[in-house]
Amino acid sequence: MVSFPTWFIETIQGRLVEVSALIEHQSEPRQTFDEERKAFQALFASMNIAHKPEFEIWEDKLSLKHSVIYERLYLQGLKDGMQLAHSFTAPSALSE
């Protein structure tokens, strides 16, 4: 198993937090996030949530929201990984 340096792990974790925050505030998935928030508020407008259809609606919206976040995180991770790989393979101007 490869052991990564602490600074590298902290950098990747910081990038994950940064990208997650950006995804939450992008306009494209905003409707999905707003729908989840409204469904959550409707869910707790009633005290008896166990037998309410609002719970199922909120659960569906939350699942969709998480799907959007995970998809965006995956795509951004792929882009970041490609940039990192390219930076290791591209000839450096300093080496000339």
C-alpha atoms as a PDB file:
ATOM      1  CA  MET A   1       0.000   0.000   0.000  1.00  0.00           C
ATOM      2  CA  VAL A   2       1.298   3.452  -0.909  1.00  0.00           C
ATOM      3  CA  SER A   3       1.627   5.892   1.960  1.00  0.00           C
ATOM      4  CA  PHE A   4       1.054   9.514   1.042  1.00  0.00           C
ATOM      5  CA  PRO A   5       2.712  12.412   2.866  1.00  0.00           C
ATOM      6  CA  THR A   6       0.552  14.309   5.358  1.00  0.00           C
ATOM      7  CA  TRP A   7       0.784  17.531   3.329  1.00  0.00           C
ATOM      8  CA  PHE A   8      -0.573  15.717   0.258  1.00  0.00           C
ATOM      9  CA  ILE A   9      -3.541  14.235   2.156  1.00  0.00           C
ATOM     10  CA  GLU A  10      -4.339  17.629   3.697  1.00  0.00           C
ATOM     11  CA  THR A  11      -4.143  19.266   0.271  1.00  0.00           C
ATOM     12  CA  ILE A  12      -6.545  16.730  -1.264  1.00  0.00           C
ATOM     13  CA  GLN A  13      -8.953  17.071   1.677  1.00  0.00           C
ATOM     14  CA  GLY A  14      -8.828  20.861   1.379  1.00  0.00           C
ATOM     15  CA  ARG A  15      -9.550  20.612  -2.339  1.00  0.00           C
ATOM     16  CA  LEU A  16     -12.520  18.342  -1.630  1.00  0.00           C
ATOM     17  CA  VAL A  17     -13.981  20.861   0.828  1.00  0.00           C
ATOM     18  CA  GLU A  18     -13.392  23.714  -1.634  1.00  0.00           C
ATOM     19  CA  VAL A  19     -15.017  21.914  -4.578  1.00  0.00           C
ATOM     20  CA  SER A  20     -17.965  20.768  -2.426  1.00  0.00           C
ATOM     21  CA  ALA A  21     -18.636  24.367  -1.397  1.00  0.00           C
ATOM     22  CA  LEU A  22     -18.458  25.513  -5.028  1.00  0.00           C
ATOM     23  CA  ILE A  23     -20.902  22.802  -6.110  1.00  0.00           C
ATOM     24  CA  GLU A  24     -23.362  23.814  -3.385  1.00  0.00           C
ATOM     25  CA  HIS A  25     -23.370  27.405  -4.677  1.00  0.00           C
ATOM     26  CA  GLN A  26     -23.399  26.839  -8.446  1.00  0.00           C
ATOM     27  CA  SER A  27     -26.526  27.952 -10.241  1.00  0.00           C
ATOM     28  CA  GLU A  28     -26.970  24.771 -12.275  1.00  0.00           C
ATOM     29  CA  PRO A  29     -27.917  22.364  -9.447  1.00  0.00           C
ATOM     30  CA  ARG A  30     -29.532  25.146  -7.403  1.00  0.00           C
ATOM     31  CA  GLN A  31     -33.062  23.993  -8.254  1.00  0.00           C
ATOM     32  CA  THR A  32     -32.287  20.493  -6.981  1.00  0.00           C
ATOM     33  CA  PHE A  33     -30.957  21.890  -3.705  1.00  0.00           C
ATOM     34  CA  ASP A  34     -33.883  24.288  -3.300  1.00  0.00           C
ATOM     35  CA  GLU A  35     -36.360  21.457  -3.883  1.00  0.00           C
ATOM     36  CA  GLU A  36     -34.622  19.360  -1.217  1.00  0.00           C
ATOM     37  CA  ARG A  37     -34.717  22.224   1.285  1.00  0.00           C
ATOM     38  CA  LYS A  38     -38.435  22.873   0.650  1.00  0.00           C
ATOM     39  CA  ALA A  39     -39.243  19.170   0.963  1.00  0.00           C
ATOM     40  CA  PHE A  40     -37.325  19.060   4.262  1.00  0.00           C
ATOM     41  CA  GLN A  41     -39.271  22.042   5.601  1.00  0.00           C
ATOM     42  CA  ALA A  42     -42.581  20.455   4.574  1.00  0.00           C
ATOM     43  CA  LEU A  43     -41.539  17.236   6.268  1.00  0.00           C
ATOM     44  CA  PHE A  44     -41.054  18.885   9.635  1.00  0.00           C
ATOM     45  CA  ALA A  45     -44.146  21.051   9.390  1.00  0.00           C
ATOM     46  CA  SER A  46     -45.933  18.009  10.813  1.00  0.00           C
ATOM     47  CA  MET A  47     -44.892  16.200  13.993  1.00  0.00           C
ATOM     48  CA  ASN A  48     -45.880  12.690  12.839  1.00  0.00           C
ATOM     49  CA  ILE A  49     -43.363  12.112  10.050  1.00  0.00           C
ATOM     50  CA  ALA A  50     -43.270   8.320  10.084  1.00  0.00           C
ATOM     51  CA  HIS A  51     -46.465   7.909   8.065  1.00  0.00           C
ATOM     52  CA  LYS A  52     -46.351  11.000   5.904  1.00  0.00           C
ATOM     53  CA  PRO A  53     -45.739  11.102   2.160  1.00  0.00           C
ATOM     54  CA  GLU A  54     -43.695  14.262   2.748  1.00  0.00           C
ATOM     55  CA  PHE A  55     -40.966  12.078   4.249  1.00  0.00           C
ATOM     56  CA  GLU A  56     -40.697  10.029   1.062  1.00  0.00           C
ATOM     57  CA  ILE A  57     -40.688  13.169  -1.068  1.00  0.00           C
ATOM     58  CA  TRP A  58     -37.924  14.732   1.021  1.00  0.00           C
ATOM     59  CA  GLU A  59     -35.930  11.498   0.958  1.00  0.00           C
ATOM     60  CA  ASP A  60     -36.139  11.398  -2.855  1.00  0.00           C
ATOM     61  CA  LYS A  61     -35.038  15.044  -3.151  1.00  0.00           C
ATOM     62  CA  LEU A  62     -32.144  14.467  -0.739  1.00  0.00           C
ATOM     63  CA  SER A  63     -31.012  11.447  -2.727  1.00  0.00           C
ATOM     64  CA  LEU A  64     -31.078  13.482  -5.946  1.00  0.00           C
ATOM     65  CA  LYS A  65     -29.135  16.302  -4.286  1.00  0.00           C
ATOM     66  CA  HIS A  66     -26.446  13.885  -3.114  1.00  0.00           C
ATOM     67  CA  SER A  67     -26.263  12.328  -6.580  1.00  0.00           C
ATOM     68  CA  VAL A  68     -25.598  15.741  -8.109  1.00  0.00           C
ATOM     69  CA  ILE A  69     -22.902  16.500  -5.533  1.00  0.00           C
ATOM     70  CA  TYR A  70     -21.172  13.131  -5.974  1.00  0.00           C
ATOM     71  CA  GLU A  71     -21.247  13.426  -9.762  1.00  0.00           C
ATOM     72  CA  ARG A  72     -19.711  16.890  -9.649  1.00  0.00           C
ATOM     73  CA  LEU A  73     -17.069  15.799  -7.129  1.00  0.00           C
ATOM     74  CA  TYR A  74     -16.133  12.851  -9.332  1.00  0.00           C
ATOM     75  CA  LEU A  75     -15.839  14.991 -12.443  1.00  0.00           C
ATOM     76  CA  GLN A  76     -13.796  17.665 -10.661  1.00  0.00           C
ATOM     77  CA  GLY A  77     -11.542  14.983  -9.173  1.00  0.00           C
ATOM     78  CA  LEU A  78     -11.028  13.543 -12.632  1.00  0.00           C
ATOM     79  CA  LYS A  79     -10.105  16.983 -14.001  1.00  0.00           C
ATOM     80  CA  ASP A  80      -7.770  17.684 -11.082  1.00  0.00           C
ATOM     81  CA  GLY A  81      -6.125  14.268 -11.514  1.00  0.00           C
ATOM     82  CA  MET A  82      -5.594  14.851 -15.220  1.00  0.00           C
ATOM     83  CA  GLN A  83      -4.029  18.250 -14.531  1.00  0.00           C
ATOM     84  CA  LEU A  84      -1.764  16.725 -11.897  1.00  0.00           C
ATOM     85  CA  ALA A  85      -0.706  13.890 -14.207  1.00  0.00           C
ATOM     86  CA  HIS A  86      -0.069  16.375 -16.999  1.00  0.00           C
ATOM     87  CA  SER A  87       2.067  18.552 -14.746  1.00  0.00           C
ATOM     88  CA  PHE A  88       4.239  15.533 -13.913  1.00  0.00           C
ATOM     89  CA  THR A  89       4.669  14.500 -17.543  1.00  0.00           C
ATOM     90  CA  ALA A  90       4.944  17.916 -19.211  1.00  0.00           C
ATOM     91  CA  PRO A  91       8.461  19.207 -19.763  1.00  0.00           C
ATOM     92  CA  SER A  92       9.328  21.856 -17.219  1.00  0.00           C
ATOM     93  CA  ALA A  93      10.583  25.272 -18.320  1.00  0.00           C
ATOM     94  CA  LEU A  94      12.979  25.167 -15.367  1.00  0.00           C
ATOM     95  CA  SER A  95      14.675  21.970 -16.586  1.00  0.00           C
ATOM     96  CA  GLU A  96      15.813  23.580 -19.834  1.00  0.00           C
END
